[in-house]
Amino acid sequence: MTDLKNHLSYLKLPYIRENYESVAATAARKQWTHIQFLSELIKQESGLRRDKMIQRRIRMAKGRLKIKLTY
């Protein structure tokens, strides 16, 4: 694992760790600025976190519903 991937793992940034190379290739092909490149990575990372948070909350709510139905 490269130093960058190690740092991204430590910072718990899985989307960026797994996709920075392909996004960099897209950025080069489309001639994005550094800011556009970083913005895309961060937008996707935050979207992944948001989706995981929603799924976690749904699981928690289902668990609470089962508890309430058993009483």
PDB file of N, CA and C in Angstrom:
ATOM      1  N   MET A   1       0.853  -1.185   0.000  1.00  0.00           N
ATOM      2  CA  MET A   1       0.000   0.000   0.000  1.00  0.00           C
ATOM      3  C   MET A   1       0.895   1.243   0.000  1.00  0.00           C
ATOM      4  N   THR A   2       0.527   2.223  -0.788  1.00  0.00           N
ATOM      5  CA  THR A   2       1.322   3.446  -0.870  1.00  0.00           C
ATOM      6  C   THR A   2       1.121   4.298   0.369  1.00  0.00           C
ATOM      7  N   ASP A   3       2.009   5.256   0.550  1.00  0.00           N
ATOM      8  CA  ASP A   3       1.862   6.183   1.685  1.00  0.00           C
ATOM      9  C   ASP A   3       0.526   6.907   1.630  1.00  0.00           C
ATOM     10  N   LEU A   4       0.143   7.352   0.430  1.00  0.00           N
ATOM     11  CA  LEU A   4      -1.130   8.068   0.303  1.00  0.00           C
ATOM     12  C   LEU A   4      -2.291   7.178   0.733  1.00  0.00           C
ATOM     13  N   LYS A   5      -2.309   5.939   0.266  1.00  0.00           N
ATOM     14  CA  LYS A   5      -3.399   5.032   0.641  1.00  0.00           C
ATOM     15  C   LYS A   5      -3.385   4.761   2.136  1.00  0.00           C
ATOM     16  N   ASN A   6      -2.205   4.662   2.732  1.00  0.00           N
ATOM     17  CA  ASN A   6      -2.111   4.472   4.183  1.00  0.00           C
ATOM     18  C   ASN A   6      -2.709   5.664   4.920  1.00  0.00           C
ATOM     19  N   HIS A   7      -2.389   6.855   4.460  1.00  0.00           N
ATOM     20  CA  HIS A   7      -2.917   8.067   5.098  1.00  0.00           C
ATOM     21  C   HIS A   7      -4.434   8.155   4.938  1.00  0.00           C
ATOM     22  N   LEU A   8      -4.919   7.816   3.752  1.00  0.00           N
ATOM     23  CA  LEU A   8      -6.364   7.857   3.514  1.00  0.00           C
ATOM     24  C   LEU A   8      -7.091   6.805   4.346  1.00  0.00           C
ATOM     25  N   SER A   9      -6.464   5.657   4.546  1.00  0.00           N
ATOM     26  CA  SER A   9      -7.046   4.635   5.423  1.00  0.00           C
ATOM     27  C   SER A   9      -7.097   5.137   6.857  1.00  0.00           C
ATOM     28  N   TYR A  10      -6.009   5.724   7.307  1.00  0.00           N
ATOM     29  CA  TYR A  10      -5.939   6.253   8.664  1.00  0.00           C
ATOM     30  C   TYR A  10      -7.015   7.318   8.891  1.00  0.00           C
ATOM     31  N   LEU A  11      -7.231   8.155   7.885  1.00  0.00           N
ATOM     32  CA  LEU A  11      -8.226   9.224   7.981  1.00  0.00           C
ATOM     33  C   LEU A  11      -9.647   8.721   7.714  1.00  0.00           C
ATOM     34  N   LYS A  12      -9.764   7.437   7.399  1.00  0.00           N
ATOM     35  CA  LYS A  12     -11.068   6.825   7.122  1.00  0.00           C
ATOM     36  C   LYS A  12     -11.786   7.535   5.969  1.00  0.00           C
ATOM     37  N   LEU A  13     -11.101   7.557   4.833  1.00  0.00           N
ATOM     38  CA  LEU A  13     -11.649   8.150   3.609  1.00  0.00           C
ATOM     39  C   LEU A  13     -11.678   7.065   2.518  1.00  0.00           C
ATOM     40  N   PRO A  14     -12.602   6.097   2.643  1.00  0.00           N
ATOM     41  CA  PRO A  14     -12.579   4.953   1.732  1.00  0.00           C
ATOM     42  C   PRO A  14     -12.862   5.292   0.268  1.00  0.00           C
ATOM     43  N   TYR A  15     -13.783   6.197   0.007  1.00  0.00           N
ATOM     44  CA  TYR A  15     -14.072   6.520  -1.400  1.00  0.00           C
ATOM     45  C   TYR A  15     -12.835   7.117  -2.066  1.00  0.00           C
ATOM     46  N   ILE A  16     -12.218   8.072  -1.406  1.00  0.00           N
ATOM     47  CA  ILE A  16     -11.043   8.721  -1.985  1.00  0.00           C
ATOM     48  C   ILE A  16      -9.925   7.699  -2.168  1.00  0.00           C
ATOM     49  N   ARG A  17      -9.712   6.830  -1.162  1.00  0.00           N
ATOM     50  CA  ARG A  17      -8.650   5.829  -1.233  1.00  0.00           C
ATOM     51  C   ARG A  17      -8.844   4.918  -2.440  1.00  0.00           C
ATOM     52  N   GLU A  18     -10.067   4.509  -2.698  1.00  0.00           N
ATOM     53  CA  GLU A  18     -10.328   3.553  -3.770  1.00  0.00           C
ATOM     54  C   GLU A  18     -10.479   4.192  -5.150  1.00  0.00           C
ATOM     55  N   ASN A  19     -10.737   5.499  -5.201  1.00  0.00           N
ATOM     56  CA  ASN A  19     -11.100   6.101  -6.489  1.00  0.00           C
ATOM     57  C   ASN A  19     -10.241   7.272  -6.939  1.00  0.00           C
ATOM     58  N   TYR A  20      -9.258   7.695  -6.150  1.00  0.00           N
ATOM     59  CA  TYR A  20      -8.526   8.910  -6.525  1.00  0.00           C
ATOM     60  C   TYR A  20      -7.815   8.775  -7.865  1.00  0.00           C
ATOM     61  N   GLU A  21      -7.340   7.577  -8.187  1.00  0.00           N
ATOM     62  CA  GLU A  21      -6.630   7.417  -9.459  1.00  0.00           C
ATOM     63  C   GLU A  21      -7.565   7.559 -10.656  1.00  0.00           C
ATOM     64  N   SER A  22      -8.737   6.939 -10.585  1.00  0.00           N
ATOM     65  CA  SER A  22      -9.672   7.040 -11.709  1.00  0.00           C
ATOM     66  C   SER A  22     -10.239   8.453 -11.827  1.00  0.00           C
ATOM     67  N   VAL A  23     -10.486   9.105 -10.684  1.00  0.00           N
ATOM     68  CA  VAL A  23     -10.964  10.489 -10.730  1.00  0.00           C
ATOM     69  C   VAL A  23      -9.855  11.399 -11.266  1.00  0.00           C
ATOM     70  N   ALA A  24      -8.613  11.107 -10.923  1.00  0.00           N
ATOM     71  CA  ALA A  24      -7.484  11.896 -11.447  1.00  0.00           C
ATOM     72  C   ALA A  24      -7.381  11.748 -12.966  1.00  0.00           C
ATOM     73  N   ALA A  25      -7.617  10.535 -13.466  1.00  0.00           N
ATOM     74  CA  ALA A  25      -7.590  10.325 -14.918  1.00  0.00           C
ATOM     75  C   ALA A  25      -8.703  11.111 -15.599  1.00  0.00           C
ATOM     76  N   THR A  26      -9.885  11.092 -15.007  1.00  0.00           N
ATOM     77  CA  THR A  26     -11.009  11.869 -15.545  1.00  0.00           C
ATOM     78  C   THR A  26     -10.684  13.356 -15.503  1.00  0.00           C
ATOM     79  N   ALA A  27     -10.111  13.790 -14.388  1.00  0.00           N
ATOM     80  CA  ALA A  27      -9.758  15.209 -14.234  1.00  0.00           C
ATOM     81  C   ALA A  27      -8.741  15.639 -15.293  1.00  0.00           C
ATOM     82  N   ALA A  28      -7.771  14.786 -15.567  1.00  0.00           N
ATOM     83  CA  ALA A  28      -6.767  15.115 -16.586  1.00  0.00           C
ATOM     84  C   ALA A  28      -7.403  15.174 -17.975  1.00  0.00           C
ATOM     85  N   ARG A  29      -8.273  14.213 -18.254  1.00  0.00           N
ATOM     86  CA  ARG A  29      -8.930  14.158 -19.560  1.00  0.00           C
ATOM     87  C   ARG A  29      -9.830  15.375 -19.778  1.00  0.00           C
ATOM     88  N   LYS A  30     -10.517  15.804 -18.712  1.00  0.00           N
ATOM     89  CA  LYS A  30     -11.441  16.937 -18.818  1.00  0.00           C
ATOM     90  C   LYS A  30     -10.795  18.261 -18.452  1.00  0.00           C
ATOM     91  N   GLN A  31      -9.506  18.219 -18.137  1.00  0.00           N
ATOM     92  CA  GLN A  31      -8.724  19.413 -17.794  1.00  0.00           C
ATOM     93  C   GLN A  31      -9.325  20.189 -16.627  1.00  0.00           C
ATOM     94  N   TRP A  32      -9.659  19.461 -15.564  1.00  0.00           N
ATOM     95  CA  TRP A  32     -10.171  20.089 -14.356  1.00  0.00           C
ATOM     96  C   TRP A  32      -9.044  20.805 -13.624  1.00  0.00           C
ATOM     97  N   THR A  33      -9.409  21.816 -12.865  1.00  0.00           N
ATOM     98  CA  THR A  33      -8.444  22.455 -11.970  1.00  0.00           C
ATOM     99  C   THR A  33      -8.248  21.537 -10.756  1.00  0.00           C
ATOM    100  N   HIS A  34      -7.235  21.859  -9.955  1.00  0.00           N
ATOM    101  CA  HIS A  34      -7.013  21.086  -8.729  1.00  0.00           C
ATOM    102  C   HIS A  34      -8.233  21.169  -7.807  1.00  0.00           C
ATOM    103  N   ILE A  35      -8.826  22.327  -7.768  1.00  0.00           N
ATOM    104  CA  ILE A  35      -9.998  22.529  -6.916  1.00  0.00           C
ATOM    105  C   ILE A  35     -11.164  21.684  -7.399  1.00  0.00           C
ATOM    106  N   GLN A  36     -11.381  21.603  -8.694  1.00  0.00           N
ATOM    107  CA  GLN A  36     -12.461  20.772  -9.230  1.00  0.00           C
ATOM    108  C   GLN A  36     -12.211  19.299  -8.906  1.00  0.00           C
ATOM    109  N   PHE A  37     -10.964  18.866  -9.033  1.00  0.00           N
ATOM    110  CA  PHE A  37     -10.588  17.494  -8.723  1.00  0.00           C
ATOM    111  C   PHE A  37     -10.873  17.173  -7.257  1.00  0.00           C
ATOM    112  N   LEU A  38     -10.385  18.021  -6.365  1.00  0.00           N
ATOM    113  CA  LEU A  38     -10.616  17.805  -4.936  1.00  0.00           C
ATOM    114  C   LEU A  38     -12.089  17.892  -4.587  1.00  0.00           C
ATOM    115  N   SER A  39     -12.784  18.821  -5.201  1.00  0.00           N
ATOM    116  CA  SER A  39     -14.213  18.984  -4.950  1.00  0.00           C
ATOM    117  C   SER A  39     -14.977  17.716  -5.314  1.00  0.00           C
ATOM    118  N   GLU A  40     -14.656  17.121  -6.437  1.00  0.00           N
ATOM    119  CA  GLU A  40     -15.328  15.886  -6.860  1.00  0.00           C
ATOM    120  C   GLU A  40     -15.050  14.749  -5.876  1.00  0.00           C
ATOM    121  N   LEU A  41     -13.799  14.590  -5.469  1.00  0.00           N
ATOM    122  CA  LEU A  41     -13.465  13.537  -4.504  1.00  0.00           C
ATOM    123  C   LEU A  41     -14.221  13.738  -3.191  1.00  0.00           C
ATOM    124  N   ILE A  42     -14.232  14.948  -2.703  1.00  0.00           N
ATOM    125  CA  ILE A  42     -14.880  15.229  -1.416  1.00  0.00           C
ATOM    126  C   ILE A  42     -16.396  15.091  -1.527  1.00  0.00           C
ATOM    127  N   LYS A  43     -16.964  15.515  -2.649  1.00  0.00           N
ATOM    128  CA  LYS A  43     -18.411  15.375  -2.857  1.00  0.00           C
ATOM    129  C   LYS A  43     -18.810  13.905  -2.815  1.00  0.00           C
ATOM    130  N   GLN A  44     -18.046  13.063  -3.482  1.00  0.00           N
ATOM    131  CA  GLN A  44     -18.358  11.633  -3.508  1.00  0.00           C
ATOM    132  C   GLN A  44     -18.138  10.979  -2.139  1.00  0.00           C
ATOM    133  N   GLU A  45     -17.076  11.376  -1.443  1.00  0.00           N
ATOM    134  CA  GLU A  45     -16.809  10.852  -0.105  1.00  0.00           C
ATOM    135  C   GLU A  45     -17.946  11.226   0.851  1.00  0.00           C
ATOM    136  N   SER A  46     -18.388  12.474   0.792  1.00  0.00           N
ATOM    137  CA  SER A  46     -19.463  12.901   1.688  1.00  0.00           C
ATOM    138  C   SER A  46     -20.774  12.208   1.323  1.00  0.00           C
ATOM    139  N   GLY A  47     -21.008  11.966   0.052  1.00  0.00           N
ATOM    140  CA  GLY A  47     -22.196  11.227  -0.367  1.00  0.00           C
ATOM    141  C   GLY A  47     -22.194   9.808   0.168  1.00  0.00           C
ATOM    142  N   LEU A  48     -21.033   9.172   0.127  1.00  0.00           N
ATOM    143  CA  LEU A  48     -20.900   7.819   0.669  1.00  0.00           C
ATOM    144  C   LEU A  48     -21.191   7.811   2.167  1.00  0.00           C
ATOM    145  N   ARG A  49     -20.639   8.772   2.884  1.00  0.00           N
ATOM    146  CA  ARG A  49     -20.887   8.861   4.333  1.00  0.00           C
ATOM    147  C   ARG A  49     -22.352   9.113   4.633  1.00  0.00           C
ATOM    148  N   ARG A  50     -22.973   9.995   3.860  1.00  0.00           N
ATOM    149  CA  ARG A  50     -24.395  10.302   4.056  1.00  0.00           C
ATOM    150  C   ARG A  50     -25.236   9.042   3.838  1.00  0.00           C
ATOM    151  N   ASP A  51     -24.937   8.301   2.770  1.00  0.00           N
ATOM    152  CA  ASP A  51     -25.680   7.073   2.488  1.00  0.00           C
ATOM    153  C   ASP A  51     -25.516   6.048   3.609  1.00  0.00           C
ATOM    154  N   LYS A  52     -24.291   5.899   4.106  1.00  0.00           N
ATOM    155  CA  LYS A  52     -24.048   4.959   5.207  1.00  0.00           C
ATOM    156  C   LYS A  52     -24.774   5.399   6.471  1.00  0.00           C
ATOM    157  N   MET A  53     -24.808   6.707   6.735  1.00  0.00           N
ATOM    158  CA  MET A  53     -25.501   7.224   7.913  1.00  0.00           C
ATOM    159  C   MET A  53     -27.000   6.925   7.822  1.00  0.00           C
ATOM    160  N   ILE A  54     -27.572   7.129   6.656  1.00  0.00           N
ATOM    161  CA  ILE A  54     -28.997   6.870   6.459  1.00  0.00           C
ATOM    162  C   ILE A  54     -29.293   5.390   6.660  1.00  0.00           C
ATOM    163  N   GLN A  55     -28.461   4.527   6.081  1.00  0.00           N
ATOM    164  CA  GLN A  55     -28.661   3.085   6.245  1.00  0.00           C
ATOM    165  C   GLN A  55     -28.541   2.671   7.709  1.00  0.00           C
ATOM    166  N   ARG A  56     -27.584   3.250   8.421  1.00  0.00           N
ATOM    167  CA  ARG A  56     -27.399   2.942   9.846  1.00  0.00           C
ATOM    168  C   ARG A  56     -28.630   3.375  10.643  1.00  0.00           C
ATOM    169  N   ARG A  57     -29.156   4.557  10.346  1.00  0.00           N
ATOM    170  CA  ARG A  57     -30.334   5.047  11.054  1.00  0.00           C
ATOM    171  C   ARG A  57     -31.560   4.201  10.758  1.00  0.00           C
ATOM    172  N   ILE A  58     -31.683   3.729   9.530  1.00  0.00           N
ATOM    173  CA  ILE A  58     -32.803   2.857   9.176  1.00  0.00           C
ATOM    174  C   ILE A  58     -32.704   1.551   9.959  1.00  0.00           C
ATOM    175  N   ARG A  59     -31.517   0.955  10.024  1.00  0.00           N
ATOM    176  CA  ARG A  59     -31.328  -0.273  10.794  1.00  0.00           C
ATOM    177  C   ARG A  59     -31.660  -0.059  12.266  1.00  0.00           C
ATOM    178  N   MET A  60     -31.213   1.070  12.821  1.00  0.00           N
ATOM    179  CA  MET A  60     -31.494   1.368  14.231  1.00  0.00           C
ATOM    180  C   MET A  60     -32.999   1.538  14.453  1.00  0.00           C
ATOM    181  N   ALA A  61     -33.660   2.221  13.545  1.00  0.00           N
ATOM    182  CA  ALA A  61     -35.100   2.449  13.682  1.00  0.00           C
ATOM    183  C   ALA A  61     -35.863   1.132  13.594  1.00  0.00           C
ATOM    184  N   LYS A  62     -35.455   0.251  12.701  1.00  0.00           N
ATOM    185  CA  LYS A  62     -36.106  -1.053  12.592  1.00  0.00           C
ATOM    186  C   LYS A  62     -35.919  -1.837  13.881  1.00  0.00           C
ATOM    187  N   GLY A  63     -34.744  -1.757  14.466  1.00  0.00           N
ATOM    188  CA  GLY A  63     -34.489  -2.441  15.734  1.00  0.00           C
ATOM    189  C   GLY A  63     -35.370  -1.905  16.838  1.00  0.00           C
ATOM    190  N   ARG A  64     -35.535  -0.613  16.910  1.00  0.00           N
ATOM    191  CA  ARG A  64     -36.400   0.005  17.927  1.00  0.00           C
ATOM    192  C   ARG A  64     -37.851  -0.373  17.706  1.00  0.00           C
ATOM    193  N   LEU A  65     -38.262  -0.439  16.449  1.00  0.00           N
ATOM    194  CA  LEU A  65     -39.636  -0.814  16.141  1.00  0.00           C
ATOM    195  C   LEU A  65     -39.915  -2.234  16.605  1.00  0.00           C
ATOM    196  N   LYS A  66     -38.980  -3.150  16.391  1.00  0.00           N
ATOM    197  CA  LYS A  66     -39.155  -4.538  16.830  1.00  0.00           C
ATOM    198  C   LYS A  66     -39.267  -4.594  18.341  1.00  0.00           C
ATOM    199  N   ILE A  67     -38.472  -3.822  19.043  1.00  0.00           N
ATOM    200  CA  ILE A  67     -38.523  -3.793  20.510  1.00  0.00           C
ATOM    201  C   ILE A  67     -39.883  -3.298  20.975  1.00  0.00           C
ATOM    202  N   LYS A  68     -40.393  -2.230  20.382  1.00  0.00           N
ATOM    203  CA  LYS A  68     -41.684  -1.664  20.783  1.00  0.00           C
ATOM    204  C   LYS A  68     -42.822  -2.630  20.470  1.00  0.00           C
ATOM    205  N   LEU A  69     -42.717  -3.368  19.384  1.00  0.00           N
ATOM    206  CA  LEU A  69     -43.788  -4.291  19.015  1.00  0.00           C
ATOM    207  C   LEU A  69     -43.834  -5.511  19.941  1.00  0.00           C
ATOM    208  N   THR A  70     -42.726  -5.829  20.584  1.00  0.00           N
ATOM    209  CA  THR A  70     -42.710  -6.999  21.461  1.00  0.00           C
ATOM    210  C   THR A  70     -43.264  -6.678  22.844  1.00  0.00           C
ATOM    211  N   TYR A  71     -43.394  -5.416  23.198  1.00  0.00           N
ATOM    212  CA  TYR A  71     -43.915  -5.053  24.525  1.00  0.00           C
ATOM    213  C   TYR A  71     -45.403  -5.005  24.533  1.00  0.00           C
TER     214      TYR A  71
END
